[in-house]
Amino acid sequence: VKLVESGGGLARPGGSLRRSCAASGFTFSSFAMSWYRQAPGQERQLVASITDSGANPYYADSVAGRFVISRDNVWNMLYLQMNNLKPEDTAVYYCYVSRFANWGQGTQVTVSS
C-alpha cells in the first residue's frame, strides 16, 4: 500500500490550493479515503473523508463549505480542493486509508499574507 501526495505549498488568505494523493498497492475503488492535517503542537485531526463510491463526503466543521474532497477511481487518485483558505488551515496534510492504517508522507500547506 502506497500513498503519494502532491500539491499544497503556500497560499494567501482567501486563496485556493489543491492537494492530490496517488494510491497504489490496493484496490482503491473498494475503500473509503480521508484527509487529515496536523498543525504544530496539535494532534492530527480529520479534515474530510469520502466513501469508496465517492458518495456522502464528511467534512470537519472547520472546513465545511470551503474544502471539497473527491476521488477518481479510474486513476486511483484522491483530491482535496481547498478554497477561501485561512491562516488556521496551515498544517501538514496527509491522505489516509483506514482499512490498512496507511498514511501518505504528508506535505506542508502554509497560509500567510
Protein backbone atom coordinates (compact mmCIF):
# COMPACT_ATOMS: atom_id res chain seq x y z
CA VAL A 1 0.00 0.00 0.00
CA LYS A 2 1.42 3.33 -1.05
CA LEU A 3 0.03 6.85 -0.86
CA VAL A 4 2.00 9.65 -2.52
CA GLU A 5 0.85 13.21 -2.05
CA SER A 6 1.44 16.28 -4.16
CA GLY A 7 0.21 19.83 -4.38
CA GLY A 8 -0.11 22.20 -1.48
CA GLY A 9 2.51 24.81 -0.72
CA LEU A 10 1.97 28.45 0.07
CA ALA A 11 -1.21 30.49 -0.36
CA ARG A 12 -2.52 33.84 0.79
CA PRO A 13 -5.64 34.13 2.93
CA GLY A 14 -8.67 33.75 0.71
CA GLY A 15 -6.71 31.79 -1.85
CA SER A 16 -7.03 28.21 -3.06
CA LEU A 17 -4.86 25.13 -3.26
CA ARG A 18 -5.43 21.59 -4.45
CA ARG A 19 -3.96 18.53 -2.82
CA SER A 20 -3.61 15.23 -4.68
CA CYS A 21 -2.88 11.72 -3.43
CA ALA A 22 -1.89 8.89 -5.76
CA ALA A 23 -2.79 5.47 -4.38
CA SER A 24 -1.30 2.11 -5.33
CA GLY A 25 -0.93 -1.40 -4.00
CA PHE A 26 -4.58 -1.95 -3.19
CA THR A 27 -7.98 -1.85 -4.87
CA PHE A 28 -8.52 1.88 -4.45
CA SER A 29 -12.15 1.85 -5.58
CA SER A 30 -13.11 -0.52 -2.75
CA PHE A 31 -12.13 1.62 0.22
CA ALA A 32 -13.04 4.88 1.91
CA MET A 33 -10.33 7.53 1.98
CA SER A 34 -9.62 10.51 4.20
CA TRP A 35 -7.58 13.66 4.54
CA TYR A 36 -6.07 14.60 7.90
CA ARG A 37 -3.97 17.54 8.99
CA GLN A 38 -1.62 18.31 11.84
CA ALA A 39 -0.67 21.80 12.90
CA PRO A 40 2.42 22.46 15.07
CA GLY A 41 1.80 21.44 18.65
CA GLN A 42 -1.59 19.93 17.87
CA GLU A 43 -2.93 16.43 17.36
CA ARG A 44 -3.62 15.11 13.89
CA GLN A 45 -7.27 15.75 13.04
CA LEU A 46 -9.69 14.50 10.43
CA VAL A 47 -10.42 17.10 7.75
CA ALA A 48 -12.62 15.19 5.29
CA SER A 49 -13.50 11.67 4.25
CA ILE A 50 -15.20 10.01 1.30
CA THR A 51 -16.75 6.60 0.72
CA ASP A 52 -15.47 4.10 -1.83
CA SER A 53 -18.03 5.27 -4.40
CA GLY A 54 -17.49 8.95 -3.70
CA ALA A 55 -20.83 9.44 -2.01
CA ASN A 56 -21.61 11.07 1.33
CA PRO A 57 -18.48 13.11 1.93
CA TYR A 58 -17.80 14.18 5.51
CA TYR A 59 -16.19 17.48 6.49
CA ALA A 60 -14.92 18.81 9.78
CA ASP A 61 -16.84 21.88 10.90
CA SER A 62 -13.71 23.99 10.48
CA VAL A 63 -13.54 23.35 6.71
CA ALA A 64 -17.18 22.66 5.72
CA GLY A 65 -18.25 24.94 2.88
CA ARG A 66 -14.63 25.71 1.92
CA PHE A 67 -12.99 22.36 1.18
CA VAL A 68 -14.14 19.68 -1.27
CA ILE A 69 -12.95 16.07 -1.17
CA SER A 70 -13.22 13.99 -4.33
CA ARG A 71 -11.76 10.88 -5.91
CA ASP A 72 -11.11 9.34 -9.31
CA ASN A 73 -11.48 5.57 -9.13
CA VAL A 74 -10.16 5.13 -12.68
CA TRP A 75 -6.82 6.80 -11.95
CA ASN A 76 -6.68 5.87 -8.24
CA MET A 77 -6.46 9.47 -7.15
CA LEU A 78 -7.77 11.32 -4.09
CA TYR A 79 -8.14 15.11 -4.11
CA LEU A 80 -8.74 17.92 -1.66
CA GLN A 81 -9.73 21.27 -3.13
CA MET A 82 -9.13 23.95 -0.51
CA ASN A 83 -10.84 27.29 -1.08
CA ASN A 84 -11.07 30.50 0.92
CA LEU A 85 -8.00 29.45 2.87
CA LYS A 86 -7.37 30.86 6.32
CA PRO A 87 -4.13 31.10 8.32
CA GLU A 88 -5.52 28.47 10.69
CA ASP A 89 -5.52 25.99 7.79
CA THR A 90 -1.71 25.98 7.98
CA ALA A 91 -0.67 22.39 8.71
CA VAL A 92 0.87 19.26 7.29
CA TYR A 93 -1.80 17.44 5.31
CA TYR A 94 -1.96 13.64 5.00
CA CYS A 95 -4.07 11.26 2.97
CA TYR A 96 -5.12 8.09 4.77
CA VAL A 97 -6.73 4.76 4.08
CA SER A 98 -8.16 3.42 7.33
CA ARG A 99 -8.58 -0.15 6.12
CA PHE A 100 -4.80 -0.53 6.01
CA ALA A 101 -3.92 2.19 8.55
CA ASN A 102 -1.60 3.66 5.94
CA TRP A 103 -0.59 7.31 5.71
CA GLY A 104 0.84 9.41 2.93
CA GLN A 105 4.15 11.17 3.54
CA GLY A 106 2.47 14.46 4.41
CA THR A 107 3.02 17.81 2.73
CA GLN A 108 3.04 21.29 4.17
CA VAL A 109 0.32 23.83 3.45
CA THR A 110 1.05 27.35 4.65
CA VAL A 111 -1.49 30.18 4.51
CA SER A 112 0.06 33.55 5.12
CA SER A 113 -0.05 37.08 3.80
